[in-house]
Amino acid sequence: MSVNSKANATGRSTGVRIGRDKKLNSPPKDEPWVWQQFELVNSPAWRGRSTHVVRLIDALQCDHMAHGGRENGNLMATYDQLVERGISRRLIPDAIAEAQFLGLIAVKRGGNWEGSYQPSTYRLTWLKDHEGRPATNQWKTVTKDAIKEWKKRRRKEAAKNRIPVPVCGTPAEVQHVELQTKAARNRAGRKKPKKATLLKIVP
């Protein structure tokens, strides 16, 4: 029987791989990869993600890997990229807000600065950032009850106002969501017309 990992004093595996097994279970040599630890993928925050947040995180991880893991904090995911991944354009702000609440990402909002538009940038919180600062791991403090309560509150707010969360897209995308919001408010405030009353004219 081959030995693939170091044993502790009781003879059980320590999980530290050695020899050929270590080589086969190491990150691919010539392909980018991203770190996801056991505690993260079993956390309420990770397991409580909506489909849209899963797609958002996937997009940011791809950008992270595309830059060799050296740009965490400067990661980008455009609206077009997220739509291509299956997120409805009008729901992108909600996905960003949810990922922030879950503590999985940190966002630096973009905007117009000195006549030029600066896109929003993102940081995956379980990884060190581009300046070498350690992971902040906000997701560790998020509980199942907190997630349940947050989603319940968001559903109530959406049903009441139908107002998207602040947008961090291009000026055209911001205008698009603002127009949607205005139309939703008009629909919500529009009263049903009263039924016409027929008057009987007596000669």
Protein backbone atom coordinates (compact mmCIF):
# COMPACT_ATOMS: atom_id res chain seq x y z
CA MET A 1 0.00 0.00 0.00
CA SER A 2 1.49 3.31 -1.09
CA VAL A 3 1.80 6.22 1.32
CA ASN A 4 0.48 9.48 -0.14
CA SER A 5 0.62 11.73 2.90
CA LYS A 6 2.42 12.18 6.18
CA ALA A 7 1.00 10.39 9.21
CA ASN A 8 0.59 11.78 12.71
CA ALA A 9 1.46 10.04 15.99
CA THR A 10 -1.65 7.84 15.78
CA GLY A 11 -0.89 6.72 12.25
CA ARG A 12 -3.69 8.73 10.64
CA SER A 13 -3.14 11.06 7.69
CA THR A 14 -2.24 14.67 8.44
CA GLY A 15 -3.44 15.77 5.00
CA VAL A 16 0.08 16.87 4.03
CA ARG A 17 0.75 15.23 0.66
CA ILE A 18 4.16 13.88 -0.30
CA GLY A 19 5.88 12.40 -3.33
CA ARG A 20 4.00 11.73 -6.56
CA ASP A 21 0.64 12.37 -4.89
CA LYS A 22 1.77 15.87 -3.94
CA LYS A 23 2.76 16.56 -7.55
CA LEU A 24 -0.55 15.30 -8.96
CA ASN A 25 -2.58 17.34 -6.47
CA SER A 26 -0.63 20.58 -6.88
CA PRO A 27 -1.94 23.54 -8.92
CA PRO A 28 -1.44 23.13 -12.70
CA LYS A 29 2.02 24.27 -13.74
CA ASP A 30 1.19 26.30 -16.85
CA GLU A 31 -2.41 27.27 -16.19
CA PRO A 32 -3.86 30.00 -13.95
CA TRP A 33 -5.83 28.94 -10.90
CA VAL A 34 -7.55 30.50 -7.90
CA TRP A 35 -7.47 29.52 -4.24
CA GLN A 36 -10.68 28.41 -2.48
CA GLN A 37 -10.22 27.03 1.00
CA PHE A 38 -12.42 24.44 2.72
CA GLU A 39 -13.82 26.92 5.23
CA LEU A 40 -14.87 29.29 2.45
CA VAL A 41 -16.78 26.81 0.27
CA ASN A 42 -18.56 25.40 3.34
CA SER A 43 -19.49 28.80 4.77
CA PRO A 44 -23.09 30.12 4.87
CA ALA A 45 -22.01 33.01 2.64
CA TRP A 46 -20.68 30.76 -0.12
CA ARG A 47 -23.50 28.24 0.07
CA GLY A 48 -26.15 30.96 0.29
CA ARG A 49 -25.18 32.66 -2.97
CA SER A 50 -27.86 33.25 -5.58
CA THR A 51 -27.27 32.10 -9.15
CA HIS A 52 -26.43 35.66 -10.20
CA VAL A 53 -23.82 36.01 -7.46
CA VAL A 54 -22.26 32.70 -8.53
CA ARG A 55 -21.92 34.08 -12.06
CA LEU A 56 -20.52 37.39 -10.79
CA ILE A 57 -17.92 35.63 -8.63
CA ASP A 58 -16.98 33.37 -11.55
CA ALA A 59 -16.39 36.43 -13.75
CA LEU A 60 -14.18 38.07 -11.13
CA GLN A 61 -12.22 34.88 -10.55
CA CYS A 62 -11.60 34.61 -14.30
CA ASP A 63 -10.30 38.19 -14.36
CA HIS A 64 -8.15 37.40 -11.32
CA MET A 65 -6.62 34.38 -13.07
CA ALA A 66 -6.21 36.28 -16.34
CA HIS A 67 -3.86 38.66 -14.51
CA GLY A 68 -1.87 35.96 -12.77
CA GLY A 69 -3.52 36.62 -9.43
CA ARG A 70 -1.77 40.00 -9.14
CA GLU A 71 -4.68 42.42 -9.61
CA ASN A 72 -7.09 41.53 -6.79
CA GLY A 73 -8.61 44.87 -5.88
CA ASN A 74 -8.39 46.07 -9.46
CA LEU A 75 -10.60 43.34 -10.91
CA MET A 76 -13.25 44.32 -13.44
CA ALA A 77 -16.43 42.80 -14.81
CA THR A 78 -18.33 44.93 -17.30
CA TYR A 79 -22.08 44.80 -17.69
CA ASP A 80 -21.68 43.23 -21.12
CA GLN A 81 -19.45 40.50 -19.69
CA LEU A 82 -21.94 39.76 -16.92
CA VAL A 83 -24.87 39.70 -19.34
CA GLU A 84 -22.90 37.23 -21.46
CA ARG A 85 -22.59 35.03 -18.37
CA GLY A 86 -26.36 34.99 -17.96
CA ILE A 87 -27.14 37.86 -15.56
CA SER A 88 -30.00 40.09 -16.67
CA ARG A 89 -28.71 43.65 -17.08
CA ARG A 90 -31.31 45.06 -14.70
CA LEU A 91 -30.32 42.52 -11.99
CA ILE A 92 -26.57 43.15 -12.07
CA PRO A 93 -26.74 45.83 -9.33
CA ASP A 94 -28.65 43.38 -7.12
CA ALA A 95 -26.00 40.70 -7.65
CA ILE A 96 -23.25 43.14 -6.69
CA ALA A 97 -25.15 44.25 -3.58
CA GLU A 98 -25.73 40.64 -2.51
CA ALA A 99 -22.10 39.65 -3.02
CA GLN A 100 -21.07 42.64 -0.91
CA PHE A 101 -23.49 41.72 1.86
CA LEU A 102 -22.19 38.15 1.86
CA GLY A 103 -18.70 39.53 2.39
CA LEU A 104 -17.32 37.83 -0.72
CA ILE A 105 -16.33 40.98 -2.59
CA ALA A 106 -15.36 44.56 -1.87
CA VAL A 107 -16.22 47.23 -4.44
CA LYS A 108 -14.59 50.52 -5.28
CA ARG A 109 -17.27 52.48 -7.09
CA GLY A 110 -16.43 54.05 -10.41
CA GLY A 111 -17.70 57.32 -11.82
CA ASN A 112 -16.80 60.36 -13.85
CA TRP A 113 -13.55 61.94 -12.71
CA GLU A 114 -12.07 64.96 -14.45
CA GLY A 115 -14.07 64.34 -17.58
CA SER A 116 -13.31 60.62 -17.91
CA TYR A 117 -15.24 57.60 -16.74
CA GLN A 118 -13.52 55.25 -14.31
CA PRO A 119 -15.05 51.75 -14.03
CA SER A 120 -15.77 50.09 -10.70
CA THR A 121 -13.14 47.68 -9.44
CA TYR A 122 -13.54 44.61 -7.25
CA ARG A 123 -11.64 42.58 -4.67
CA LEU A 124 -12.22 38.95 -3.73
CA THR A 125 -12.07 39.07 0.05
CA TRP A 126 -10.63 35.59 0.65
CA LEU A 127 -7.45 36.47 -1.26
CA LYS A 128 -4.64 38.95 -0.63
CA ASP A 129 -4.92 42.15 -2.66
CA HIS A 130 -2.68 43.55 -5.39
CA GLU A 131 -0.61 45.48 -2.85
CA GLY A 132 0.12 42.39 -0.77
CA ARG A 133 -2.33 43.13 2.03
CA PRO A 134 -3.83 39.96 3.57
CA ALA A 135 -7.33 38.69 2.90
CA THR A 136 -10.05 40.44 4.90
CA ASN A 137 -12.49 37.48 4.92
CA GLN A 138 -15.68 39.40 5.74
CA TRP A 139 -17.65 36.31 4.69
CA LYS A 140 -16.62 34.59 7.94
CA THR A 141 -18.95 36.81 9.98
CA VAL A 142 -22.06 36.21 7.84
CA THR A 143 -24.58 33.77 9.36
CA LYS A 144 -27.48 31.81 7.88
CA ASP A 145 -29.97 33.88 9.88
CA ALA A 146 -28.43 37.12 8.66
CA ILE A 147 -28.65 35.96 5.04
CA LYS A 148 -32.26 34.88 5.47
CA GLU A 149 -33.22 38.20 7.04
CA TRP A 150 -31.35 40.23 4.40
CA LYS A 151 -33.04 38.42 1.50
CA LYS A 152 -36.43 38.81 3.15
CA ARG A 153 -35.87 42.55 3.57
CA ARG A 154 -34.69 42.90 -0.04
CA ARG A 155 -37.79 41.14 -1.33
CA LYS A 156 -40.02 43.49 0.62
CA GLU A 157 -38.14 46.55 -0.62
CA ALA A 158 -38.32 45.32 -4.21
CA ALA A 159 -42.04 44.63 -3.98
CA LYS A 160 -42.71 48.02 -2.43
CA ASN A 161 -40.54 50.30 -4.52
CA ARG A 162 -39.17 48.33 -7.46
CA ILE A 163 -36.07 50.53 -7.20
CA PRO A 164 -32.68 49.05 -8.24
CA VAL A 165 -29.66 49.46 -6.00
CA PRO A 166 -27.10 52.14 -7.02
CA VAL A 167 -25.55 51.34 -10.38
CA CYS A 168 -21.84 51.23 -11.11
CA GLY A 169 -21.90 50.91 -14.89
CA THR A 170 -21.29 53.26 -17.77
CA PRO A 171 -23.28 56.52 -17.97
CA ALA A 172 -25.54 54.90 -20.59
CA GLU A 173 -26.18 51.95 -18.26
CA VAL A 174 -26.91 54.27 -15.35
CA GLN A 175 -29.41 56.18 -17.48
CA HIS A 176 -31.02 52.92 -18.57
CA VAL A 177 -31.64 51.83 -14.97
CA GLU A 178 -32.86 55.31 -13.98
CA LEU A 179 -35.44 55.19 -16.77
CA GLN A 180 -36.53 51.75 -15.61
CA THR A 181 -36.88 53.06 -12.07
CA LYS A 182 -38.95 56.04 -13.18
CA ALA A 183 -41.25 53.82 -15.22
CA ALA A 184 -41.66 51.43 -12.27
CA ARG A 185 -42.56 54.31 -9.96
CA ASN A 186 -45.11 55.60 -12.44
CA ARG A 187 -46.69 52.16 -12.70
CA ALA A 188 -46.78 51.79 -8.93
CA GLY A 189 -48.37 55.21 -8.45
CA ARG A 190 -50.85 54.95 -11.28
CA LYS A 191 -54.42 54.60 -10.05
CA LYS A 192 -56.90 52.40 -11.80
CA PRO A 193 -59.46 54.46 -13.75
CA LYS A 194 -62.92 54.54 -12.31
CA LYS A 195 -65.65 52.78 -14.19
CA ALA A 196 -67.80 55.06 -16.27
CA THR A 197 -71.26 55.77 -14.90
CA LEU A 198 -74.12 55.75 -17.36
CA LEU A 199 -76.68 58.46 -16.70
CA LYS A 200 -80.24 57.85 -17.71
CA ILE A 201 -81.71 60.96 -19.26
CA VAL A 202 -85.39 61.37 -18.61
CA PRO A 203 -87.17 63.46 -21.28
